[in-house]
Amino acid sequence: MLSERIARGVAAGQITHTYFRWPSPQARPGARVPTRAGLIEITSLTEVDPAELTDDDAARAGFSSAAGLRASLSRHRGATYRLELTHLGHPGTPAPQPAPLEQARRRELQAQLARLDLGTPRGPWTRRLLELLRTHPGMSPAEVAAAQQRPVSRTKTDLWRLRELGLLDTTAEGLRLSGLALSYLDAP
């Protein structure tokens, strides 16, 4: 519902309102929206006349002018609603704890990761990627791609493969290692 630009602006304190055009209200006051920037609460919802929007209203919504805000709204149909937003911080997803890892399961994971490593011309990549996410939890696929200097589409494929093995979790904050991955990396 909220774009990443809006969520980041609310988290930074630069955006306090957003505007939508809907045939009927699609949100309600008190609703909490999880985003990568943290939990955002809709504190009020008011129908407004777009012709009466001011430059101050636009600035509170992250636009440079009322004309720009109105142009953005003109692409949609329905009544115009102002949503007042407040940042509640991160919901505090508990950090994953290492999961029990038996030797047989560890050997199986090692074999699966070795096959993934051998299947690419760039050589061993799985452990490097897991270590990157251990030291930088919450990264987005685009951030992982930039850190590895790889295309985002290929990085997403790598991440999907690791997620299928149960080594990654996707949270509102971004990518993080699962308890299984932590146990695998910590095992001798």
N, C-alpha and C. Protein backbone atom coordinates (compact mmCIF):
# COMPACT_ATOMS: atom_id res chain seq x y z
N MET A 1 0.82 -1.18 0.00
CA MET A 1 0.00 0.00 0.00
C MET A 1 0.87 1.26 0.00
N LEU A 2 1.87 1.32 0.88
CA LEU A 2 2.76 2.48 0.93
C LEU A 2 4.02 2.16 0.14
N SER A 3 4.41 3.07 -0.73
CA SER A 3 5.64 2.86 -1.50
C SER A 3 6.85 2.94 -0.57
N GLU A 4 7.95 2.40 -1.04
CA GLU A 4 9.17 2.45 -0.23
C GLU A 4 9.61 3.89 -0.01
N ARG A 5 9.41 4.75 -1.01
CA ARG A 5 9.77 6.17 -0.88
C ARG A 5 8.98 6.81 0.26
N ILE A 6 7.69 6.54 0.31
CA ILE A 6 6.86 7.11 1.38
C ILE A 6 7.28 6.54 2.73
N ALA A 7 7.47 5.22 2.80
CA ALA A 7 7.85 4.59 4.06
C ALA A 7 9.16 5.15 4.60
N ARG A 8 10.15 5.31 3.71
CA ARG A 8 11.43 5.88 4.15
C ARG A 8 11.25 7.32 4.63
N GLY A 9 10.42 8.09 3.91
CA GLY A 9 10.16 9.47 4.30
C GLY A 9 9.48 9.58 5.65
N VAL A 10 8.53 8.68 5.91
CA VAL A 10 7.85 8.68 7.21
C VAL A 10 8.84 8.31 8.31
N ALA A 11 9.66 7.30 8.06
CA ALA A 11 10.65 6.87 9.05
C ALA A 11 11.64 7.99 9.35
N ALA A 12 11.99 8.78 8.34
CA ALA A 12 12.94 9.88 8.52
C ALA A 12 12.28 11.14 9.08
N GLY A 13 10.96 11.14 9.21
CA GLY A 13 10.26 12.31 9.72
C GLY A 13 10.02 13.38 8.68
N GLN A 14 10.27 13.08 7.40
CA GLN A 14 10.10 14.06 6.34
C GLN A 14 8.69 14.03 5.73
N ILE A 15 8.00 12.91 5.87
CA ILE A 15 6.64 12.77 5.32
C ILE A 15 5.70 12.44 6.48
N THR A 16 4.60 13.19 6.56
CA THR A 16 3.61 12.93 7.61
C THR A 16 2.24 12.61 7.03
N HIS A 17 2.07 12.84 5.74
CA HIS A 17 0.79 12.59 5.06
C HIS A 17 1.05 11.89 3.74
N THR A 18 0.05 11.20 3.26
CA THR A 18 0.06 10.71 1.89
C THR A 18 -1.36 10.82 1.38
N TYR A 19 -1.51 10.81 0.06
CA TYR A 19 -2.83 10.99 -0.55
C TYR A 19 -3.08 9.85 -1.52
N PHE A 20 -4.33 9.39 -1.53
CA PHE A 20 -4.76 8.34 -2.45
C PHE A 20 -6.10 8.74 -3.04
N ARG A 21 -6.37 8.22 -4.24
CA ARG A 21 -7.71 8.35 -4.83
C ARG A 21 -8.30 6.96 -4.89
N TRP A 22 -9.43 6.79 -4.26
CA TRP A 22 -10.12 5.50 -4.20
C TRP A 22 -11.61 5.71 -4.41
N PRO A 23 -12.30 4.71 -4.99
CA PRO A 23 -13.76 4.79 -5.07
C PRO A 23 -14.40 4.81 -3.68
N SER A 24 -13.77 4.13 -2.73
CA SER A 24 -14.20 4.14 -1.33
C SER A 24 -12.94 3.94 -0.49
N PRO A 25 -12.94 4.34 0.77
CA PRO A 25 -11.71 4.22 1.58
C PRO A 25 -11.18 2.79 1.61
N GLN A 26 -9.90 2.65 1.36
CA GLN A 26 -9.24 1.34 1.35
C GLN A 26 -8.34 1.16 2.56
N ALA A 27 -8.45 2.05 3.52
CA ALA A 27 -7.66 1.98 4.75
C ALA A 27 -8.53 2.51 5.88
N ARG A 28 -8.06 2.35 7.09
CA ARG A 28 -8.82 2.85 8.24
C ARG A 28 -7.84 3.39 9.27
N PRO A 29 -8.27 4.39 10.03
CA PRO A 29 -7.41 4.90 11.10
C PRO A 29 -7.09 3.79 12.09
N GLY A 30 -5.85 3.78 12.55
CA GLY A 30 -5.41 2.75 13.49
C GLY A 30 -4.76 1.57 12.81
N ALA A 31 -4.91 1.47 11.48
CA ALA A 31 -4.27 0.35 10.76
C ALA A 31 -2.76 0.52 10.82
N ARG A 32 -2.08 -0.60 10.96
CA ARG A 32 -0.61 -0.58 10.99
C ARG A 32 -0.10 -1.32 9.76
N VAL A 33 0.82 -0.66 9.06
CA VAL A 33 1.33 -1.19 7.80
C VAL A 33 2.80 -1.55 7.98
N PRO A 34 3.15 -2.84 7.86
CA PRO A 34 4.56 -3.21 7.95
C PRO A 34 5.28 -2.83 6.66
N THR A 35 6.42 -2.18 6.78
CA THR A 35 7.24 -1.81 5.63
C THR A 35 8.69 -2.13 5.95
N ARG A 36 9.54 -2.04 4.94
CA ARG A 36 10.97 -2.25 5.18
C ARG A 36 11.55 -1.17 6.09
N ALA A 37 10.90 -0.01 6.14
CA ALA A 37 11.38 1.08 6.99
C ALA A 37 10.83 0.98 8.40
N GLY A 38 10.03 -0.02 8.67
CA GLY A 38 9.44 -0.19 9.99
C GLY A 38 7.92 -0.16 9.93
N LEU A 39 7.32 -0.20 11.08
CA LEU A 39 5.86 -0.23 11.18
C LEU A 39 5.32 1.20 11.11
N ILE A 40 4.34 1.42 10.23
CA ILE A 40 3.74 2.75 10.06
C ILE A 40 2.26 2.65 10.38
N GLU A 41 1.78 3.59 11.20
CA GLU A 41 0.37 3.61 11.57
C GLU A 41 -0.35 4.72 10.83
N ILE A 42 -1.55 4.41 10.35
CA ILE A 42 -2.43 5.43 9.76
C ILE A 42 -3.21 6.03 10.92
N THR A 43 -2.93 7.29 11.24
CA THR A 43 -3.57 7.90 12.42
C THR A 43 -4.88 8.58 12.08
N SER A 44 -5.06 9.00 10.83
CA SER A 44 -6.36 9.55 10.43
C SER A 44 -6.54 9.40 8.93
N LEU A 45 -7.80 9.41 8.52
CA LEU A 45 -8.17 9.29 7.11
C LEU A 45 -9.27 10.32 6.86
N THR A 46 -9.01 11.25 5.94
CA THR A 46 -9.95 12.34 5.69
C THR A 46 -10.13 12.51 4.20
N GLU A 47 -11.39 12.64 3.75
CA GLU A 47 -11.63 12.95 2.34
C GLU A 47 -11.36 14.44 2.13
N VAL A 48 -10.62 14.76 1.06
CA VAL A 48 -10.25 16.16 0.79
C VAL A 48 -10.55 16.49 -0.67
N ASP A 49 -10.63 17.79 -0.95
CA ASP A 49 -10.80 18.28 -2.32
C ASP A 49 -9.41 18.55 -2.89
N PRO A 50 -9.01 17.85 -3.96
CA PRO A 50 -7.65 18.06 -4.49
C PRO A 50 -7.39 19.51 -4.92
N ALA A 51 -8.42 20.23 -5.31
CA ALA A 51 -8.24 21.62 -5.74
C ALA A 51 -7.80 22.51 -4.58
N GLU A 52 -8.08 22.08 -3.35
CA GLU A 52 -7.73 22.88 -2.17
C GLU A 52 -6.38 22.51 -1.56
N LEU A 53 -5.66 21.57 -2.16
CA LEU A 53 -4.36 21.17 -1.62
C LEU A 53 -3.36 22.30 -1.81
N THR A 54 -2.56 22.56 -0.79
CA THR A 54 -1.58 23.65 -0.82
C THR A 54 -0.16 23.09 -0.99
N ASP A 55 0.78 23.99 -1.19
CA ASP A 55 2.18 23.57 -1.28
C ASP A 55 2.64 22.96 0.05
N ASP A 56 2.11 23.46 1.17
CA ASP A 56 2.44 22.88 2.48
C ASP A 56 1.94 21.44 2.58
N ASP A 57 0.72 21.19 2.09
CA ASP A 57 0.19 19.82 2.07
C ASP A 57 1.11 18.93 1.23
N ALA A 58 1.52 19.45 0.08
CA ALA A 58 2.38 18.69 -0.81
C ALA A 58 3.72 18.39 -0.14
N ALA A 59 4.29 19.37 0.54
CA ALA A 59 5.58 19.16 1.22
C ALA A 59 5.47 18.09 2.29
N ARG A 60 4.35 18.07 3.03
CA ARG A 60 4.16 17.04 4.06
C ARG A 60 4.02 15.64 3.44
N ALA A 61 3.68 15.59 2.15
CA ALA A 61 3.54 14.31 1.45
C ALA A 61 4.77 13.97 0.62
N GLY A 62 5.81 14.81 0.69
CA GLY A 62 7.04 14.52 -0.03
C GLY A 62 7.07 15.04 -1.46
N PHE A 63 6.17 15.97 -1.80
CA PHE A 63 6.15 16.57 -3.13
C PHE A 63 6.67 17.99 -3.04
N SER A 64 7.22 18.50 -4.15
CA SER A 64 7.76 19.85 -4.13
C SER A 64 6.69 20.91 -4.33
N SER A 65 5.52 20.52 -4.89
CA SER A 65 4.47 21.51 -5.10
C SER A 65 3.10 20.83 -5.10
N ALA A 66 2.07 21.66 -4.87
CA ALA A 66 0.70 21.14 -4.92
C ALA A 66 0.36 20.67 -6.33
N ALA A 67 0.90 21.36 -7.33
CA ALA A 67 0.64 20.95 -8.72
C ALA A 67 1.19 19.54 -8.98
N GLY A 68 2.38 19.26 -8.46
CA GLY A 68 2.96 17.92 -8.62
C GLY A 68 2.13 16.86 -7.92
N LEU A 69 1.65 17.18 -6.73
CA LEU A 69 0.79 16.24 -5.99
C LEU A 69 -0.50 15.99 -6.75
N ARG A 70 -1.13 17.07 -7.25
CA ARG A 70 -2.38 16.91 -8.01
C ARG A 70 -2.15 16.11 -9.28
N ALA A 71 -1.01 16.32 -9.95
CA ALA A 71 -0.71 15.55 -11.16
C ALA A 71 -0.58 14.07 -10.84
N SER A 72 0.03 13.76 -9.72
CA SER A 72 0.16 12.36 -9.29
C SER A 72 -1.22 11.75 -9.03
N LEU A 73 -2.08 12.51 -8.39
CA LEU A 73 -3.43 12.02 -8.07
C LEU A 73 -4.31 11.90 -9.31
N SER A 74 -4.05 12.71 -10.34
CA SER A 74 -4.91 12.72 -11.53
C SER A 74 -4.84 11.41 -12.31
N ARG A 75 -3.86 10.58 -12.03
CA ARG A 75 -3.73 9.30 -12.75
C ARG A 75 -4.71 8.25 -12.23
N HIS A 76 -5.41 8.57 -11.16
CA HIS A 76 -6.32 7.60 -10.54
C HIS A 76 -7.72 8.17 -10.47
N ARG A 77 -8.70 7.31 -10.22
CA ARG A 77 -10.10 7.73 -10.12
C ARG A 77 -10.59 7.60 -8.69
N GLY A 78 -11.66 8.32 -8.42
CA GLY A 78 -12.29 8.21 -7.11
C GLY A 78 -12.06 9.46 -6.28
N ALA A 79 -12.56 9.39 -5.06
CA ALA A 79 -12.40 10.49 -4.12
C ALA A 79 -10.95 10.55 -3.64
N THR A 80 -10.51 11.73 -3.23
CA THR A 80 -9.15 11.91 -2.73
C THR A 80 -9.17 11.84 -1.20
N TYR A 81 -8.27 11.02 -0.67
CA TYR A 81 -8.18 10.84 0.78
C TYR A 81 -6.78 11.21 1.26
N ARG A 82 -6.74 11.93 2.39
CA ARG A 82 -5.47 12.24 3.05
C ARG A 82 -5.31 11.26 4.21
N LEU A 83 -4.17 10.58 4.24
CA LEU A 83 -3.85 9.68 5.33
C LEU A 83 -2.73 10.33 6.14
N GLU A 84 -2.95 10.51 7.43
CA GLU A 84 -1.87 10.98 8.30
C GLU A 84 -1.15 9.75 8.81
N LEU A 85 0.18 9.82 8.79
CA LEU A 85 1.01 8.66 9.10
C LEU A 85 1.98 8.95 10.23
N THR A 86 2.28 7.91 10.99
CA THR A 86 3.30 8.03 12.02
C THR A 86 4.14 6.76 12.03
N HIS A 87 5.42 6.92 12.27
CA HIS A 87 6.36 5.80 12.29
C HIS A 87 6.42 5.22 13.69
N LEU A 88 6.20 3.93 13.81
CA LEU A 88 6.22 3.27 15.11
C LEU A 88 7.53 2.53 15.38
N GLY A 89 8.46 2.60 14.44
CA GLY A 89 9.72 1.87 14.60
C GLY A 89 9.61 0.48 14.01
N HIS A 90 10.65 -0.28 14.20
CA HIS A 90 10.64 -1.66 13.69
C HIS A 90 9.90 -2.54 14.67
N PRO A 91 9.11 -3.48 14.14
CA PRO A 91 8.30 -4.31 15.02
C PRO A 91 9.10 -5.23 15.91
N GLY A 92 10.39 -5.25 15.74
CA GLY A 92 11.22 -6.07 16.62
C GLY A 92 11.11 -7.55 16.33
N THR A 93 11.25 -7.91 15.07
CA THR A 93 11.27 -9.32 14.73
C THR A 93 12.42 -9.95 15.49
N PRO A 94 12.14 -10.97 16.27
CA PRO A 94 13.22 -11.55 17.07
C PRO A 94 14.33 -12.11 16.18
N ALA A 95 15.54 -11.96 16.65
CA ALA A 95 16.68 -12.48 15.89
C ALA A 95 16.60 -14.00 15.86
N PRO A 96 16.93 -14.59 14.72
CA PRO A 96 16.87 -16.05 14.64
C PRO A 96 17.91 -16.68 15.56
N GLN A 97 17.54 -17.79 16.14
CA GLN A 97 18.45 -18.54 17.00
C GLN A 97 18.93 -19.77 16.23
N PRO A 98 20.18 -20.15 16.43
CA PRO A 98 20.65 -21.36 15.74
C PRO A 98 19.73 -22.54 16.03
N ALA A 99 19.43 -23.29 14.98
CA ALA A 99 18.56 -24.46 15.10
C ALA A 99 19.42 -25.70 15.25
N PRO A 100 18.90 -26.72 15.91
CA PRO A 100 19.67 -27.96 16.03
C PRO A 100 20.00 -28.50 14.63
N LEU A 101 21.25 -28.90 14.45
CA LEU A 101 21.69 -29.39 13.14
C LEU A 101 22.45 -30.69 13.33
N GLU A 102 21.83 -31.77 12.93
CA GLU A 102 22.47 -33.08 13.05
C GLU A 102 23.51 -33.24 11.95
N GLN A 103 24.48 -34.11 12.19
CA GLN A 103 25.57 -34.32 11.22
C GLN A 103 25.04 -34.71 9.85
N ALA A 104 24.04 -35.59 9.81
CA ALA A 104 23.51 -36.04 8.51
C ALA A 104 22.91 -34.86 7.74
N ARG A 105 22.17 -34.00 8.43
CA ARG A 105 21.58 -32.83 7.78
C ARG A 105 22.66 -31.84 7.35
N ARG A 106 23.71 -31.70 8.16
CA ARG A 106 24.82 -30.82 7.79
C ARG A 106 25.50 -31.32 6.52
N ARG A 107 25.76 -32.63 6.44
CA ARG A 107 26.39 -33.19 5.24
C ARG A 107 25.49 -33.00 4.01
N GLU A 108 24.19 -33.18 4.20
CA GLU A 108 23.24 -32.98 3.10
C GLU A 108 23.28 -31.53 2.61
N LEU A 109 23.28 -30.58 3.55
CA LEU A 109 23.37 -29.16 3.18
C LEU A 109 24.68 -28.85 2.47
N GLN A 110 25.78 -29.42 2.99
CA GLN A 110 27.08 -29.20 2.36
C GLN A 110 27.07 -29.68 0.91
N ALA A 111 26.48 -30.84 0.68
CA ALA A 111 26.42 -31.39 -0.68
C ALA A 111 25.55 -30.51 -1.58
N GLN A 112 24.42 -30.04 -1.07
CA GLN A 112 23.54 -29.18 -1.87
C GLN A 112 24.22 -27.86 -2.21
N LEU A 113 24.90 -27.27 -1.24
CA LEU A 113 25.60 -26.01 -1.48
C LEU A 113 26.78 -26.20 -2.43
N ALA A 114 27.47 -27.33 -2.31
CA ALA A 114 28.59 -27.62 -3.22
C ALA A 114 28.08 -27.73 -4.66
N ARG A 115 26.92 -28.36 -4.85
CA ARG A 115 26.34 -28.46 -6.20
C ARG A 115 26.01 -27.07 -6.74
N LEU A 116 25.47 -26.20 -5.89
CA LEU A 116 25.19 -24.83 -6.34
C LEU A 116 26.48 -24.10 -6.71
N ASP A 117 27.52 -24.28 -5.90
CA ASP A 117 28.81 -23.63 -6.18
C ASP A 117 29.40 -24.12 -7.50
N LEU A 118 29.31 -25.42 -7.74
CA LEU A 118 29.89 -25.99 -8.96
C LEU A 118 29.08 -25.65 -10.20
N GLY A 119 27.83 -25.29 -10.02
CA GLY A 119 26.95 -25.01 -11.16
C GLY A 119 27.15 -23.64 -11.78
N THR A 120 28.11 -22.88 -11.30
CA THR A 120 28.33 -21.54 -11.86
C THR A 120 29.80 -21.35 -12.20
N PRO A 121 30.08 -20.56 -13.22
CA PRO A 121 31.48 -20.31 -13.58
C PRO A 121 32.22 -19.42 -12.58
N ARG A 122 31.50 -18.75 -11.70
CA ARG A 122 32.17 -17.85 -10.76
C ARG A 122 32.74 -18.57 -9.55
N GLY A 123 32.50 -19.86 -9.45
CA GLY A 123 33.08 -20.62 -8.34
C GLY A 123 32.25 -20.53 -7.08
N PRO A 124 32.86 -20.87 -5.95
CA PRO A 124 32.11 -20.90 -4.68
C PRO A 124 31.51 -19.53 -4.35
N TRP A 125 30.21 -19.50 -4.18
CA TRP A 125 29.52 -18.25 -3.88
C TRP A 125 28.58 -18.38 -2.69
N THR A 126 28.15 -19.58 -2.37
CA THR A 126 27.10 -19.73 -1.37
C THR A 126 27.55 -19.27 0.01
N ARG A 127 28.73 -19.69 0.43
CA ARG A 127 29.19 -19.31 1.77
C ARG A 127 29.43 -17.80 1.86
N ARG A 128 30.00 -17.23 0.79
CA ARG A 128 30.23 -15.77 0.78
C ARG A 128 28.91 -15.01 0.94
N LEU A 129 27.88 -15.49 0.24
CA LEU A 129 26.58 -14.83 0.32
C LEU A 129 25.96 -14.99 1.71
N LEU A 130 26.06 -16.18 2.28
CA LEU A 130 25.55 -16.39 3.63
C LEU A 130 26.29 -15.52 4.65
N GLU A 131 27.61 -15.43 4.51
CA GLU A 131 28.40 -14.60 5.43
C GLU A 131 28.05 -13.12 5.28
N LEU A 132 27.80 -12.69 4.03
CA LEU A 132 27.40 -11.30 3.80
C LEU A 132 26.10 -10.99 4.55
N LEU A 133 25.14 -11.91 4.47
CA LEU A 133 23.86 -11.68 5.14
C LEU A 133 23.97 -11.85 6.66
N ARG A 134 24.96 -12.60 7.11
CA ARG A 134 25.17 -12.71 8.56
C ARG A 134 25.69 -11.37 9.10
N THR A 135 26.61 -10.74 8.37
CA THR A 135 27.18 -9.48 8.84
C THR A 135 26.30 -8.27 8.52
N HIS A 136 25.39 -8.41 7.54
CA HIS A 136 24.51 -7.30 7.15
C HIS A 136 23.06 -7.79 7.04
N PRO A 137 22.44 -8.19 8.15
CA PRO A 137 21.05 -8.64 8.06
C PRO A 137 20.14 -7.49 7.64
N GLY A 138 19.07 -7.83 6.94
CA GLY A 138 18.11 -6.82 6.53
C GLY A 138 18.36 -6.23 5.16
N MET A 139 19.36 -6.74 4.45
CA MET A 139 19.64 -6.21 3.11
C MET A 139 18.51 -6.59 2.16
N SER A 140 18.29 -5.76 1.16
CA SER A 140 17.34 -6.08 0.10
C SER A 140 18.09 -6.83 -1.00
N PRO A 141 17.38 -7.52 -1.89
CA PRO A 141 18.07 -8.18 -3.01
C PRO A 141 18.92 -7.21 -3.83
N ALA A 142 18.44 -5.99 -4.01
CA ALA A 142 19.22 -5.00 -4.78
C ALA A 142 20.51 -4.64 -4.04
N GLU A 143 20.45 -4.53 -2.73
CA GLU A 143 21.66 -4.23 -1.95
C GLU A 143 22.65 -5.39 -1.99
N VAL A 144 22.13 -6.61 -1.94
CA VAL A 144 23.00 -7.79 -2.05
C VAL A 144 23.67 -7.80 -3.42
N ALA A 145 22.89 -7.52 -4.47
CA ALA A 145 23.44 -7.49 -5.83
C ALA A 145 24.54 -6.44 -5.95
N ALA A 146 24.32 -5.27 -5.38
CA ALA A 146 25.33 -4.21 -5.44
C ALA A 146 26.59 -4.62 -4.69
N ALA A 147 26.42 -5.24 -3.53
CA ALA A 147 27.58 -5.67 -2.74
C ALA A 147 28.39 -6.73 -3.47
N GLN A 148 27.72 -7.54 -4.27
CA GLN A 148 28.41 -8.61 -5.00
C GLN A 148 28.75 -8.21 -6.43
N GLN A 149 28.35 -7.02 -6.82
CA GLN A 149 28.57 -6.53 -8.19
C GLN A 149 28.02 -7.52 -9.21
N ARG A 150 26.75 -7.90 -8.99
CA ARG A 150 26.05 -8.82 -9.88
C ARG A 150 24.70 -8.22 -10.25
N PRO A 151 24.13 -8.66 -11.37
CA PRO A 151 22.79 -8.18 -11.73
C PRO A 151 21.75 -8.61 -10.68
N VAL A 152 20.78 -7.76 -10.46
CA VAL A 152 19.75 -8.04 -9.46
C VAL A 152 18.99 -9.32 -9.81
N SER A 153 18.67 -9.52 -11.08
CA SER A 153 17.90 -10.71 -11.47
C SER A 153 18.65 -12.00 -11.12
N ARG A 154 19.94 -12.03 -11.35
CA ARG A 154 20.72 -13.23 -11.02
C ARG A 154 20.88 -13.39 -9.51
N THR A 155 21.02 -12.28 -8.82
CA THR A 155 21.12 -12.33 -7.37
C THR A 155 19.83 -12.87 -6.77
N LYS A 156 18.69 -12.45 -7.31
CA LYS A 156 17.41 -12.95 -6.81
C LYS A 156 17.31 -14.47 -7.01
N THR A 157 17.84 -14.97 -8.11
CA THR A 157 17.84 -16.42 -8.35
C THR A 157 18.68 -17.11 -7.29
N ASP A 158 19.86 -16.57 -7.00
CA ASP A 158 20.72 -17.15 -5.95
C ASP A 158 20.00 -17.15 -4.61
N LEU A 159 19.37 -16.04 -4.28
CA LEU A 159 18.66 -15.92 -3.01
C LEU A 159 17.50 -16.91 -2.94
N TRP A 160 16.79 -17.07 -4.04
CA TRP A 160 15.68 -18.03 -4.08
C TRP A 160 16.20 -19.44 -3.80
N ARG A 161 17.34 -19.80 -4.41
CA ARG A 161 17.91 -21.14 -4.20
C ARG A 161 18.24 -21.37 -2.73
N LEU A 162 18.82 -20.38 -2.09
CA LEU A 162 19.16 -20.51 -0.67
C LEU A 162 17.90 -20.54 0.21
N ARG A 163 16.90 -19.79 -0.19
CA ARG A 163 15.63 -19.79 0.56
C ARG A 163 14.96 -21.16 0.45
N GLU A 164 15.03 -21.77 -0.73
CA GLU A 164 14.44 -23.10 -0.92
C GLU A 164 15.11 -24.15 -0.04
N LEU A 165 16.37 -23.93 0.29
CA LEU A 165 17.08 -24.86 1.18
C LEU A 165 16.79 -24.56 2.66
N GLY A 166 16.02 -23.52 2.92
CA GLY A 166 15.68 -23.16 4.29
C GLY A 166 16.74 -22.33 4.99
N LEU A 167 17.62 -21.69 4.21
CA LEU A 167 18.73 -20.94 4.80
C LEU A 167 18.45 -19.44 4.95
N LEU A 168 17.42 -18.94 4.28
CA LEU A 168 17.11 -17.51 4.34
C LEU A 168 15.66 -17.29 4.73
N ASP A 169 15.42 -16.19 5.42
CA ASP A 169 14.06 -15.74 5.74
C ASP A 169 13.91 -14.33 5.18
N THR A 170 12.71 -14.02 4.72
CA THR A 170 12.41 -12.67 4.27
C THR A 170 11.48 -12.04 5.30
N THR A 171 11.90 -10.91 5.85
CA THR A 171 11.09 -10.21 6.85
C THR A 171 10.79 -8.81 6.34
N ALA A 172 10.01 -8.06 7.08
CA ALA A 172 9.71 -6.68 6.69
C ALA A 172 10.99 -5.85 6.64
N GLU A 173 12.00 -6.24 7.43
CA GLU A 173 13.27 -5.50 7.44
C GLU A 173 14.17 -5.90 6.28
N GLY A 174 13.92 -7.02 5.63
CA GLY A 174 14.76 -7.49 4.53
C GLY A 174 15.15 -8.94 4.73
N LEU A 175 16.23 -9.34 4.07
CA LEU A 175 16.69 -10.72 4.11
C LEU A 175 17.51 -10.98 5.36
N ARG A 176 17.34 -12.16 5.94
CA ARG A 176 18.18 -12.56 7.06
C ARG A 176 18.35 -14.07 7.04
N LEU A 177 19.40 -14.50 7.70
CA LEU A 177 19.67 -15.93 7.79
C LEU A 177 18.66 -16.60 8.70
N SER A 178 18.34 -17.84 8.36
CA SER A 178 17.47 -18.63 9.24
C SER A 178 18.32 -19.24 10.35
N GLY A 179 17.66 -19.82 11.33
CA GLY A 179 18.37 -20.52 12.39
C GLY A 179 19.21 -21.66 11.84
N LEU A 180 18.70 -22.33 10.80
CA LEU A 180 19.44 -23.42 10.16
C LEU A 180 20.75 -22.91 9.56
N ALA A 181 20.69 -21.77 8.88
CA ALA A 181 21.90 -21.19 8.27
C ALA A 181 22.92 -20.82 9.34
N LEU A 182 22.45 -20.25 10.45
CA LEU A 182 23.37 -19.88 11.53
C LEU A 182 24.06 -21.12 12.09
N SER A 183 23.30 -22.19 12.28
CA SER A 183 23.90 -23.44 12.79
C SER A 183 24.90 -24.00 11.79
N TYR A 184 24.56 -23.94 10.51
CA TYR A 184 25.45 -24.45 9.47
C TYR A 184 26.76 -23.67 9.46
N LEU A 185 26.68 -22.34 9.51
CA LEU A 185 27.89 -21.52 9.46
C LEU A 185 28.74 -21.68 10.72
N ASP A 186 28.10 -21.92 11.86
CA ASP A 186 28.83 -22.03 13.12
C ASP A 186 29.39 -23.42 13.39
N ALA A 187 28.91 -24.42 12.65
CA ALA A 187 29.36 -25.80 12.89
C ALA A 187 30.80 -25.96 12.41
N PRO A 188 31.58 -26.80 13.13
CA PRO A 188 32.99 -26.99 12.73
C PRO A 188 33.12 -27.73 11.41
